[in-house]
Amino acid sequence: MSRKLDRTLFAGMVREEWRLHAELFGGRRFAAFPLFVALIAGAAVVALTETGTSVAAVVAGLHALVFAFGLHTGSIGLVGRDAMDNLLGEVNLLVFSARTLPVSRRRLLVHFLAKDALYYSALFVLPVALAFLPAVGDSGGEFGVAQVPLLYLSLTATFVLGLVVTLALLGLSSRGVAGWLAAGALAAVVGGVHVAGVDWVSATPYALFRSPSPAAVAGTIGTIGTAAAIGLAAFDPSNSTPTRSVEPAFERWRGRFGDETGLTTKTFLDVARSEGGLWKVPFSGGVIFGVCVGLVELAGRITGVEPSTGATFGALLGLSAFTTYNWVTQYDDAESYLQYPLSLDALFEAKRRVAALVGLPTAVAYFAIAAVAFDARPVDAVAGLVLLVGFHQYLLGVTTYLAGFDPGEFLFDTLLFAVFTVAVAATLVPLLIVGLVLAPLSGTALVALAGAGVLMLAAGELAYRRAVDRWTERLGA
């Protein structure tokens, strides 16, 4: 009976995941997503290797990105059911069913993690691993066909590690002050190990590919197992947020914002009073910051050149605009406002304003930490700050134009995601090449970098204005 129940739960969760995505994005367009991932990843591998980057360096950077993807996927616990209900209506996913089914919470959570590992390893990780096949003949023996399965295994384990790390952090954060202290203590231990120069990489899934050995297997199992055990013990997906009463703060915040329509205030309070509150924004920004640090340190070791802090962190931290815009738009939709005597442009402006108010200061704070930690030159830091603001607002404009109020929905819509990828890559990739490869940058180059930030700021404003016209026409407002 136990095995039959496990099979039923696991199969039900896999079907649930597929139906959810197929319903949101359309079956055929969603089914084409792995093909698009393989195409884009293959093109990136070819481009990087043709410009002199070693396959080993590309693989190392890819592990960092897949780890970040695992962290993001695991954050479903942070989004919570309030956002899910706003997106899909009244739903009750199996992982939230411990109170209504005769199944333990931990059992459901184990199946949920296994489902995510299988589902996303096939949807995302496998196409990325196969994208290295074109590099086999051009790697000079550095990478062979036989290594593709090993790469797929290490990337899958890396994704799972990101998944369970987020689960552990969410579980600890839900346990009040004691949980936060425990999380801080664990972070301090990890930081101390790194500062002490211990080869901690040998205990990560990357070691399965870099130097496969029984020690690498044991380290991977131990790391993933420890994080999973903490998450399973602390996190409760079936625990609904209790009904809360809050003080009538609307008018106070409205006065602070100078908000005539009240739309900015409503959007801000929607985010602040949702599960995770405003902490969602620095949490998602912190994930990007952690990946930035890893990529910069890796690039420095590979090239022997210290990357430009301003160019690299300014460009990469600007990516936080997408996650911030997702937070501020997921609690309502434009159609629900059409019955009121409000213009759609006022609604879009409110969303953009809150995204800038809560997201941009967070990105700037992380940039300041990077500037101090990497001892950036003042002129480098100023140029990078201008670049950060410009790219952040550019990404907000592009996201608004393509997705309107549904940025989360188009991630697996192959056509829209392709357009979004091109729009981001056309600006981000050149900036990263400049920051990671051409450093140290001259004064002229830094002025050009700041100028690029100003141009992107203007392009973002233009995209935003076109977005308002486009969605006003589409919604018939």
Protein backbone atom coordinates (compact mmCIF):
# COMPACT_ATOMS: atom_id res chain seq x y z
CA MET A 1 0.00 0.00 0.00
CA SER A 2 2.84 2.37 0.88
CA ARG A 3 4.63 1.91 -2.47
CA LYS A 4 1.36 2.24 -4.38
CA LEU A 5 0.62 5.48 -2.54
CA ASP A 6 4.10 6.80 -3.31
CA ARG A 7 3.68 6.01 -7.02
CA THR A 8 0.25 7.63 -7.05
CA LEU A 9 1.48 10.79 -5.34
CA PHE A 10 4.55 11.14 -7.53
CA ALA A 11 2.66 10.52 -10.78
CA GLY A 12 -0.07 12.92 -9.69
CA MET A 13 2.46 15.68 -8.96
CA VAL A 14 4.17 15.23 -12.34
CA ARG A 15 0.81 15.42 -14.17
CA GLU A 16 -0.13 18.41 -12.04
CA GLU A 17 3.06 20.26 -12.99
CA TRP A 18 2.61 19.57 -16.71
CA ARG A 19 -1.07 20.56 -16.72
CA LEU A 20 -0.31 23.74 -14.80
CA HIS A 21 2.29 24.88 -17.35
CA ALA A 22 0.29 23.66 -20.35
CA GLU A 23 -2.78 25.55 -19.13
CA LEU A 24 -0.81 28.74 -18.59
CA PHE A 25 1.28 28.71 -21.76
CA GLY A 26 -0.42 26.35 -24.21
CA GLY A 27 0.67 22.76 -24.74
CA ARG A 28 2.58 23.10 -28.01
CA ARG A 29 4.35 26.34 -27.22
CA PHE A 30 5.33 25.03 -23.81
CA ALA A 31 6.52 21.71 -25.27
CA ALA A 32 8.91 23.65 -27.52
CA PHE A 33 10.60 25.26 -24.53
CA PRO A 34 13.33 22.58 -24.07
CA LEU A 35 14.23 22.91 -27.77
CA PHE A 36 14.63 26.65 -27.37
CA VAL A 37 16.79 26.18 -24.26
CA ALA A 38 19.03 23.76 -26.15
CA LEU A 39 19.33 26.17 -29.09
CA ILE A 40 20.21 29.19 -26.94
CA ALA A 41 22.60 27.24 -24.71
CA GLY A 42 24.31 25.66 -27.72
CA ALA A 43 24.78 29.05 -29.35
CA ALA A 44 26.24 30.42 -26.10
CA VAL A 45 28.67 27.50 -25.76
CA VAL A 46 29.87 27.91 -29.36
CA ALA A 47 30.23 31.67 -28.98
CA LEU A 48 32.20 31.39 -25.73
CA THR A 49 34.54 28.65 -26.96
CA GLU A 50 35.13 30.41 -30.28
CA THR A 51 36.21 33.56 -28.43
CA GLY A 52 38.83 31.65 -26.46
CA THR A 53 36.95 30.63 -23.31
CA SER A 54 37.80 27.10 -22.25
CA VAL A 55 35.07 24.49 -22.00
CA ALA A 56 36.06 23.94 -18.36
CA ALA A 57 35.37 27.61 -17.61
CA VAL A 58 32.01 27.49 -19.37
CA VAL A 59 31.04 24.36 -17.43
CA ALA A 60 32.03 25.96 -14.12
CA GLY A 61 29.98 29.07 -14.84
CA LEU A 62 27.05 26.92 -15.93
CA HIS A 63 27.02 25.11 -12.59
CA ALA A 64 26.71 28.48 -10.83
CA LEU A 65 23.77 29.46 -13.04
CA VAL A 66 21.99 26.12 -12.55
CA PHE A 67 22.45 26.46 -8.79
CA ALA A 68 20.77 29.88 -9.01
CA PHE A 69 17.94 28.34 -11.03
CA GLY A 70 17.48 25.75 -8.30
CA LEU A 71 17.34 28.49 -5.66
CA HIS A 72 14.69 30.30 -7.69
CA THR A 73 12.61 27.17 -8.27
CA GLY A 74 12.70 26.34 -4.58
CA SER A 75 11.31 29.76 -3.74
CA ILE A 76 7.78 28.53 -4.53
CA GLY A 77 7.46 28.22 -0.78
CA LEU A 78 8.12 31.94 -0.45
CA VAL A 79 5.54 32.86 -3.10
CA GLY A 80 2.90 30.97 -1.15
CA ARG A 81 -0.69 30.18 -1.91
CA ASP A 82 -1.89 33.78 -1.96
CA ALA A 83 0.01 34.44 -5.18
CA MET A 84 -0.98 31.05 -6.60
CA ASP A 85 -4.66 31.79 -6.00
CA ASN A 86 -4.39 35.19 -7.67
CA LEU A 87 -2.75 33.58 -10.70
CA LEU A 88 -4.92 30.47 -11.07
CA GLY A 89 -7.98 31.01 -8.93
CA GLU A 90 -8.90 28.58 -6.16
CA VAL A 91 -6.40 25.73 -6.36
CA ASN A 92 -5.09 23.12 -3.99
CA LEU A 93 -1.83 21.61 -5.19
CA LEU A 94 -0.96 18.22 -3.78
CA VAL A 95 2.01 19.56 -1.83
CA PHE A 96 -0.44 21.73 0.15
CA SER A 97 -2.80 18.85 0.95
CA ALA A 98 -1.46 17.45 4.22
CA ARG A 99 -4.53 18.71 6.07
CA THR A 100 -7.03 17.12 3.70
CA LEU A 101 -5.28 13.87 2.70
CA PRO A 102 -4.20 11.05 5.02
CA VAL A 103 -0.56 11.70 4.07
CA SER A 104 2.16 13.23 6.19
CA ARG A 105 3.57 16.65 5.40
CA ARG A 106 7.11 15.32 5.02
CA ARG A 107 6.01 12.58 2.65
CA LEU A 108 4.32 15.11 0.39
CA LEU A 109 7.36 17.36 0.51
CA VAL A 110 9.75 14.53 -0.39
CA HIS A 111 7.64 13.69 -3.43
CA PHE A 112 7.45 17.36 -4.35
CA LEU A 113 11.25 17.67 -4.30
CA ALA A 114 11.66 14.44 -6.31
CA LYS A 115 9.09 15.67 -8.84
CA ASP A 116 10.86 19.00 -9.26
CA ALA A 117 14.21 17.26 -9.66
CA LEU A 118 12.89 14.96 -12.39
CA TYR A 119 10.67 17.51 -14.10
CA TYR A 120 13.15 20.37 -14.36
CA SER A 121 16.12 18.11 -15.05
CA ALA A 122 14.27 17.00 -18.21
CA LEU A 123 12.78 20.39 -19.08
CA PHE A 124 15.85 22.55 -18.46
CA VAL A 125 18.99 20.69 -17.38
CA LEU A 126 19.04 18.00 -20.09
CA PRO A 127 18.80 20.50 -23.00
CA VAL A 128 21.61 22.54 -21.44
CA ALA A 129 23.83 19.47 -21.08
CA LEU A 130 23.14 18.39 -24.68
CA ALA A 131 24.06 21.92 -25.82
CA PHE A 132 27.72 21.01 -25.18
CA LEU A 133 27.75 18.43 -27.97
CA PRO A 134 28.82 21.02 -30.61
CA ALA A 135 31.89 21.77 -28.48
CA VAL A 136 33.08 18.15 -28.53
CA GLY A 137 34.99 18.44 -31.79
CA ASP A 138 36.44 21.88 -31.07
CA SER A 139 37.64 21.34 -27.51
CA GLY A 140 40.91 19.67 -28.44
CA GLY A 141 40.09 16.64 -26.33
CA GLU A 142 39.12 18.82 -23.36
CA PHE A 143 35.51 17.63 -23.56
CA GLY A 144 34.16 14.39 -25.05
CA VAL A 145 30.80 12.81 -25.77
CA ALA A 146 31.23 10.44 -22.83
CA GLN A 147 31.29 13.41 -20.48
CA VAL A 148 27.79 14.62 -21.43
CA PRO A 149 26.00 12.11 -19.14
CA LEU A 150 28.39 13.05 -16.32
CA LEU A 151 27.69 16.73 -16.94
CA TYR A 152 23.94 16.05 -16.88
CA LEU A 153 24.33 14.22 -13.55
CA SER A 154 26.38 16.99 -11.92
CA LEU A 155 24.06 19.72 -13.20
CA THR A 156 21.00 17.87 -11.93
CA ALA A 157 22.61 17.45 -8.52
CA THR A 158 23.51 21.16 -8.55
CA PHE A 159 19.90 22.06 -9.32
CA VAL A 160 18.68 19.84 -6.48
CA LEU A 161 21.19 21.45 -4.12
CA GLY A 162 19.78 24.90 -4.94
CA LEU A 163 16.28 23.54 -4.42
CA VAL A 164 16.94 22.12 -0.95
CA VAL A 165 19.05 25.10 0.17
CA THR A 166 16.12 27.41 -0.51
CA LEU A 167 13.80 24.98 1.24
CA ALA A 168 16.08 24.97 4.29
CA LEU A 169 16.29 28.77 4.36
CA LEU A 170 12.52 29.10 4.06
CA GLY A 171 11.97 26.58 6.80
CA LEU A 172 14.39 28.28 9.19
CA SER A 173 12.98 31.73 8.42
CA SER A 174 9.50 30.50 9.36
CA ARG A 175 10.70 29.51 12.83
CA GLY A 176 11.07 33.02 14.18
CA VAL A 177 14.15 34.43 15.86
CA ALA A 178 15.62 30.99 16.61
CA GLY A 179 15.37 30.04 12.95
CA TRP A 180 17.02 33.26 11.79
CA LEU A 181 19.83 32.76 14.30
CA ALA A 182 20.35 29.22 13.08
CA ALA A 183 20.43 30.39 9.46
CA GLY A 184 22.93 33.11 10.39
CA ALA A 185 25.12 30.59 12.20
CA LEU A 186 25.13 28.26 9.20
CA ALA A 187 25.99 31.16 6.87
CA ALA A 188 28.85 32.16 9.20
CA VAL A 189 30.21 28.59 9.14
CA VAL A 190 30.08 28.48 5.34
CA GLY A 191 31.78 31.88 5.14
CA GLY A 192 34.45 30.82 7.61
CA VAL A 193 35.20 27.69 5.60
CA HIS A 194 35.62 29.79 2.47
CA VAL A 195 37.85 32.37 4.17
CA ALA A 196 39.99 29.60 5.66
CA GLY A 197 40.81 28.40 2.15
CA VAL A 198 39.22 24.98 2.56
CA ASP A 199 38.46 23.22 -0.74
CA TRP A 200 34.70 23.25 -0.18
CA VAL A 201 34.08 22.77 -3.92
CA SER A 202 35.03 19.10 -3.48
CA ALA A 203 31.87 18.66 -1.39
CA THR A 204 29.58 20.11 -4.08
CA PRO A 205 28.02 18.49 -7.16
CA TYR A 206 30.49 20.35 -9.38
CA ALA A 207 33.17 17.97 -8.12
CA LEU A 208 31.24 15.10 -9.71
CA PHE A 209 32.22 16.54 -13.08
CA ARG A 210 35.52 18.25 -12.29
CA SER A 211 37.13 15.36 -10.43
CA PRO A 212 34.75 12.40 -10.03
CA SER A 213 35.66 10.24 -7.05
CA PRO A 214 34.04 8.50 -4.08
CA ALA A 215 34.85 11.60 -2.03
CA ALA A 216 32.97 13.80 -4.51
CA VAL A 217 29.96 11.46 -4.36
CA ALA A 218 30.03 11.41 -0.57
CA GLY A 219 30.39 15.21 -0.37
CA THR A 220 27.50 15.77 -2.78
CA ILE A 221 25.21 13.36 -0.95
CA GLY A 222 26.19 14.85 2.40
CA THR A 223 25.64 18.45 1.33
CA ILE A 224 22.30 17.81 -0.35
CA GLY A 225 21.19 15.48 2.44
CA THR A 226 22.00 17.99 5.19
CA ALA A 227 20.15 20.85 3.49
CA ALA A 228 17.19 18.57 2.69
CA ALA A 229 17.00 17.31 6.27
CA ILE A 230 16.89 20.88 7.62
CA GLY A 231 14.22 21.83 5.11
CA LEU A 232 12.06 18.77 5.76
CA ALA A 233 12.25 19.33 9.50
CA ALA A 234 11.49 23.05 9.43
CA PHE A 235 9.31 23.79 6.40
CA ASP A 236 5.55 23.19 6.39
CA PRO A 237 3.89 23.66 2.96
CA SER A 238 0.44 22.89 4.38
CA ASN A 239 0.60 25.66 6.96
CA SER A 240 -1.76 28.38 5.83
CA THR A 241 -1.12 31.94 6.86
CA PRO A 242 -3.53 32.72 9.69
CA THR A 243 -6.04 35.50 9.32
CA ARG A 244 -4.38 38.73 10.31
CA SER A 245 -5.58 42.17 11.23
CA VAL A 246 -3.46 45.14 10.28
CA GLU A 247 -3.56 48.77 11.23
CA PRO A 248 -5.23 51.16 8.78
CA ALA A 249 -1.97 52.35 7.24
CA PHE A 250 -3.29 53.13 3.77
CA GLU A 251 -3.75 56.87 4.23
CA ARG A 252 -0.41 57.25 5.99
CA TRP A 253 1.49 55.57 3.16
CA ARG A 254 -0.56 57.39 0.59
CA GLY A 255 0.53 60.67 2.09
CA ARG A 256 4.17 59.58 2.11
CA PHE A 257 4.03 58.60 -1.55
CA GLY A 258 2.07 61.67 -2.62
CA ASP A 259 -0.26 59.18 -4.27
CA GLU A 260 -3.35 60.89 -5.69
CA THR A 261 -5.03 57.76 -7.09
CA GLY A 262 -3.97 55.40 -4.30
CA LEU A 263 -2.72 52.82 -6.81
CA THR A 264 0.91 53.08 -5.75
CA THR A 265 -0.07 52.66 -2.10
CA LYS A 266 -2.27 49.64 -2.84
CA THR A 267 0.52 47.95 -4.84
CA PHE A 268 3.07 48.60 -2.09
CA LEU A 269 0.78 47.24 0.64
CA ASP A 270 -0.12 44.20 -1.49
CA VAL A 271 3.55 43.23 -1.52
CA ALA A 272 4.19 44.18 2.10
CA ARG A 273 1.22 42.18 3.42
CA SER A 274 1.68 39.09 1.26
CA GLU A 275 3.57 35.99 2.39
CA GLY A 276 7.22 36.88 2.83
CA GLY A 277 6.43 40.59 2.87
CA LEU A 278 8.96 43.05 1.53
CA TRP A 279 11.71 40.58 2.47
CA LYS A 280 10.99 38.77 -0.79
CA VAL A 281 12.75 41.54 -2.69
CA PRO A 282 16.15 41.42 -0.91
CA PHE A 283 15.92 37.62 -0.83
CA SER A 284 15.62 37.35 -4.62
CA GLY A 285 18.23 40.08 -5.03
CA GLY A 286 20.53 38.19 -2.70
CA VAL A 287 20.34 35.11 -4.92
CA ILE A 288 21.48 37.18 -7.90
CA PHE A 289 24.19 38.82 -5.79
CA GLY A 290 25.54 35.45 -4.70
CA VAL A 291 25.72 34.26 -8.30
CA CYS A 292 27.47 37.52 -9.26
CA VAL A 293 30.14 36.98 -6.62
CA GLY A 294 30.73 33.41 -7.77
CA LEU A 295 31.00 34.38 -11.44
CA VAL A 296 33.36 37.29 -10.75
CA GLU A 297 35.68 35.18 -8.60
CA LEU A 298 35.61 32.36 -11.16
CA ALA A 299 36.35 34.72 -14.05
CA GLY A 300 39.24 36.23 -12.13
CA ARG A 301 40.82 32.82 -11.52
CA ILE A 302 40.38 31.74 -15.15
CA THR A 303 41.59 34.90 -16.89
CA GLY A 304 44.09 36.04 -14.29
CA VAL A 305 42.58 39.53 -14.61
CA GLU A 306 40.53 41.21 -11.90
CA PRO A 307 37.09 41.91 -13.44
CA SER A 308 35.58 45.38 -13.42
CA THR A 309 33.30 45.53 -10.39
CA GLY A 310 31.22 48.34 -11.85
CA ALA A 311 30.58 46.69 -15.21
CA THR A 312 29.90 43.16 -13.95
CA PHE A 313 27.84 43.89 -10.85
CA GLY A 314 26.10 46.85 -12.46
CA ALA A 315 24.92 44.68 -15.32
CA LEU A 316 24.09 41.51 -13.40
CA LEU A 317 22.31 43.16 -10.47
CA GLY A 318 20.10 44.96 -12.97
CA LEU A 319 18.51 41.57 -13.64
CA SER A 320 16.74 41.88 -10.28
CA ALA A 321 14.26 44.21 -12.02
CA PHE A 322 12.45 41.21 -13.48
CA THR A 323 11.89 39.46 -10.16
CA THR A 324 10.85 42.70 -8.47
CA TYR A 325 8.33 43.48 -11.22
CA ASN A 326 7.00 39.95 -10.81
CA TRP A 327 6.39 40.57 -7.10
CA VAL A 328 4.51 43.85 -7.64
CA THR A 329 2.22 42.54 -10.40
CA GLN A 330 1.22 39.10 -9.17
CA TYR A 331 -1.52 40.13 -6.74
CA ASP A 332 -3.99 41.63 -9.21
CA ASP A 333 -4.53 42.10 -12.94
CA ALA A 334 -5.31 45.01 -15.22
CA GLU A 335 -8.79 43.72 -16.16
CA SER A 336 -10.01 44.03 -12.58
CA TYR A 337 -9.49 47.81 -12.75
CA LEU A 338 -11.42 48.43 -15.96
CA GLN A 339 -14.67 48.92 -14.03
CA TYR A 340 -13.21 51.94 -12.21
CA PRO A 341 -12.76 55.47 -13.57
CA LEU A 342 -8.99 55.01 -13.73
CA SER A 343 -6.68 55.21 -16.71
CA LEU A 344 -4.54 52.18 -17.47
CA ASP A 345 -1.43 54.31 -17.73
CA ALA A 346 -1.91 55.34 -14.08
CA LEU A 347 -2.02 51.66 -13.11
CA PHE A 348 1.14 50.83 -15.05
CA GLU A 349 2.88 53.85 -13.56
CA ALA A 350 1.97 52.68 -10.05
CA LYS A 351 3.48 49.25 -10.70
CA ARG A 352 6.65 50.73 -12.18
CA ARG A 353 6.96 53.21 -9.34
CA VAL A 354 6.75 50.53 -6.64
CA ALA A 355 9.17 48.28 -8.56
CA ALA A 356 11.64 51.15 -8.59
CA LEU A 357 10.96 52.13 -4.96
CA VAL A 358 11.57 48.68 -3.49
CA GLY A 359 13.76 47.04 -6.14
CA LEU A 360 16.23 49.72 -7.17
CA PRO A 361 17.43 50.60 -3.63
CA THR A 362 17.91 46.88 -2.96
CA ALA A 363 20.05 46.46 -6.08
CA VAL A 364 22.03 49.60 -5.22
CA ALA A 365 22.65 48.29 -1.68
CA TYR A 366 24.05 45.02 -3.02
CA PHE A 367 26.15 47.00 -5.50
CA ALA A 368 27.59 49.06 -2.64
CA ILE A 369 28.50 45.86 -0.79
CA ALA A 370 30.26 44.57 -3.92
CA ALA A 371 32.10 47.87 -4.42
CA VAL A 372 33.46 47.72 -0.86
CA ALA A 373 34.19 43.98 -0.85
CA PHE A 374 36.07 44.08 -4.18
CA ASP A 375 37.72 47.46 -3.46
CA ALA A 376 36.37 49.10 -6.61
CA ARG A 377 37.90 52.34 -7.80
CA PRO A 378 35.57 55.33 -7.21
CA VAL A 379 35.27 56.07 -10.94
CA ASP A 380 34.53 52.39 -11.63
CA ALA A 381 31.85 52.36 -8.93
CA VAL A 382 30.18 55.53 -10.25
CA ALA A 383 30.11 54.22 -13.82
CA GLY A 384 28.75 50.89 -12.61
CA LEU A 385 26.05 52.61 -10.56
CA VAL A 386 24.84 54.55 -13.61
CA LEU A 387 24.90 51.31 -15.58
CA LEU A 388 22.90 49.52 -12.88
CA VAL A 389 20.15 52.15 -12.83
CA GLY A 390 19.98 52.23 -16.63
CA PHE A 391 19.86 48.46 -17.10
CA HIS A 392 17.36 48.03 -14.24
CA GLN A 393 14.93 50.48 -15.83
CA TYR A 394 15.57 49.07 -19.31
CA LEU A 395 14.60 45.62 -18.11
CA LEU A 396 11.49 46.99 -16.41
CA GLY A 397 10.43 48.65 -19.67
CA VAL A 398 11.05 45.55 -21.79
CA THR A 399 9.25 43.27 -19.32
CA THR A 400 6.26 45.61 -19.17
CA TYR A 401 6.08 45.78 -22.96
CA LEU A 402 6.22 42.03 -23.48
CA ALA A 403 4.26 40.75 -20.49
CA GLY A 404 2.04 43.51 -19.20
CA PHE A 405 0.88 42.39 -15.77
CA ASP A 406 1.90 38.75 -16.21
CA PRO A 407 5.72 38.55 -16.27
CA GLY A 408 5.75 35.15 -14.60
CA GLU A 409 3.51 33.61 -17.24
CA PHE A 410 5.72 34.26 -20.24
CA LEU A 411 8.85 32.57 -18.90
CA PHE A 412 7.76 29.26 -20.43
CA ASP A 413 5.99 30.78 -23.43
CA THR A 414 8.65 29.90 -25.96
CA LEU A 415 8.00 32.76 -28.38
CA LEU A 416 7.84 35.53 -25.79
CA PHE A 417 10.76 34.08 -23.87
CA ALA A 418 12.82 34.05 -27.07
CA VAL A 419 12.12 37.75 -27.65
CA PHE A 420 12.89 38.52 -24.00
CA THR A 421 16.15 36.57 -24.16
CA VAL A 422 17.31 38.42 -27.27
CA ALA A 423 16.43 41.80 -25.73
CA VAL A 424 18.39 41.01 -22.57
CA ALA A 425 21.34 39.26 -24.22
CA ALA A 426 21.85 42.07 -26.74
CA THR A 427 22.70 44.40 -23.88
CA LEU A 428 23.94 42.11 -21.11
CA VAL A 429 26.44 39.97 -23.02
CA PRO A 430 28.54 42.89 -24.39
CA LEU A 431 28.60 44.46 -20.93
CA LEU A 432 29.82 41.24 -19.34
CA ILE A 433 32.51 40.79 -21.98
CA VAL A 434 33.74 44.29 -21.25
CA GLY A 435 33.64 43.79 -17.48
CA LEU A 436 35.07 40.27 -17.30
CA VAL A 437 37.56 40.19 -20.17
CA LEU A 438 38.70 43.75 -20.94
CA ALA A 439 39.36 44.92 -17.36
CA PRO A 440 40.92 47.05 -16.04
CA LEU A 441 38.91 49.68 -17.90
CA SER A 442 40.35 53.03 -18.88
CA GLY A 443 38.69 56.31 -18.00
CA THR A 444 37.32 56.59 -21.54
CA ALA A 445 35.86 53.08 -21.35
CA LEU A 446 34.19 53.86 -18.03
CA VAL A 447 32.65 57.02 -19.48
CA ALA A 448 31.36 54.92 -22.38
CA LEU A 449 29.99 52.43 -19.85
CA ALA A 450 28.09 55.15 -18.04
CA GLY A 451 26.87 56.43 -21.39
CA ALA A 452 25.53 52.96 -22.16
CA GLY A 453 23.61 53.11 -18.89
CA VAL A 454 22.04 56.43 -19.87
CA LEU A 455 21.08 55.04 -23.30
CA MET A 456 19.47 51.99 -21.71
CA LEU A 457 17.58 54.24 -19.33
CA ALA A 458 16.18 56.10 -22.34
CA ALA A 459 15.41 52.83 -24.14
CA GLY A 460 13.59 51.54 -21.07
CA GLU A 461 11.48 54.70 -20.90
CA LEU A 462 10.58 54.34 -24.57
CA ALA A 463 9.69 50.65 -24.12
CA TYR A 464 7.52 51.54 -21.12
CA ARG A 465 5.58 54.19 -23.04
CA ARG A 466 5.03 51.81 -25.94
CA ALA A 467 3.93 49.17 -23.43
CA VAL A 468 1.20 51.39 -22.02
CA ASP A 469 -0.16 52.10 -25.51
CA ARG A 470 0.08 48.43 -26.48
CA TRP A 471 -1.74 47.05 -23.46
CA THR A 472 -4.31 49.84 -23.41
CA GLU A 473 -5.25 48.91 -26.96
CA ARG A 474 -5.19 45.18 -26.24
CA LEU A 475 -7.39 45.47 -23.14
CA GLY A 476 -9.73 47.95 -24.79
CA ALA A 477 -9.27 50.43 -21.96
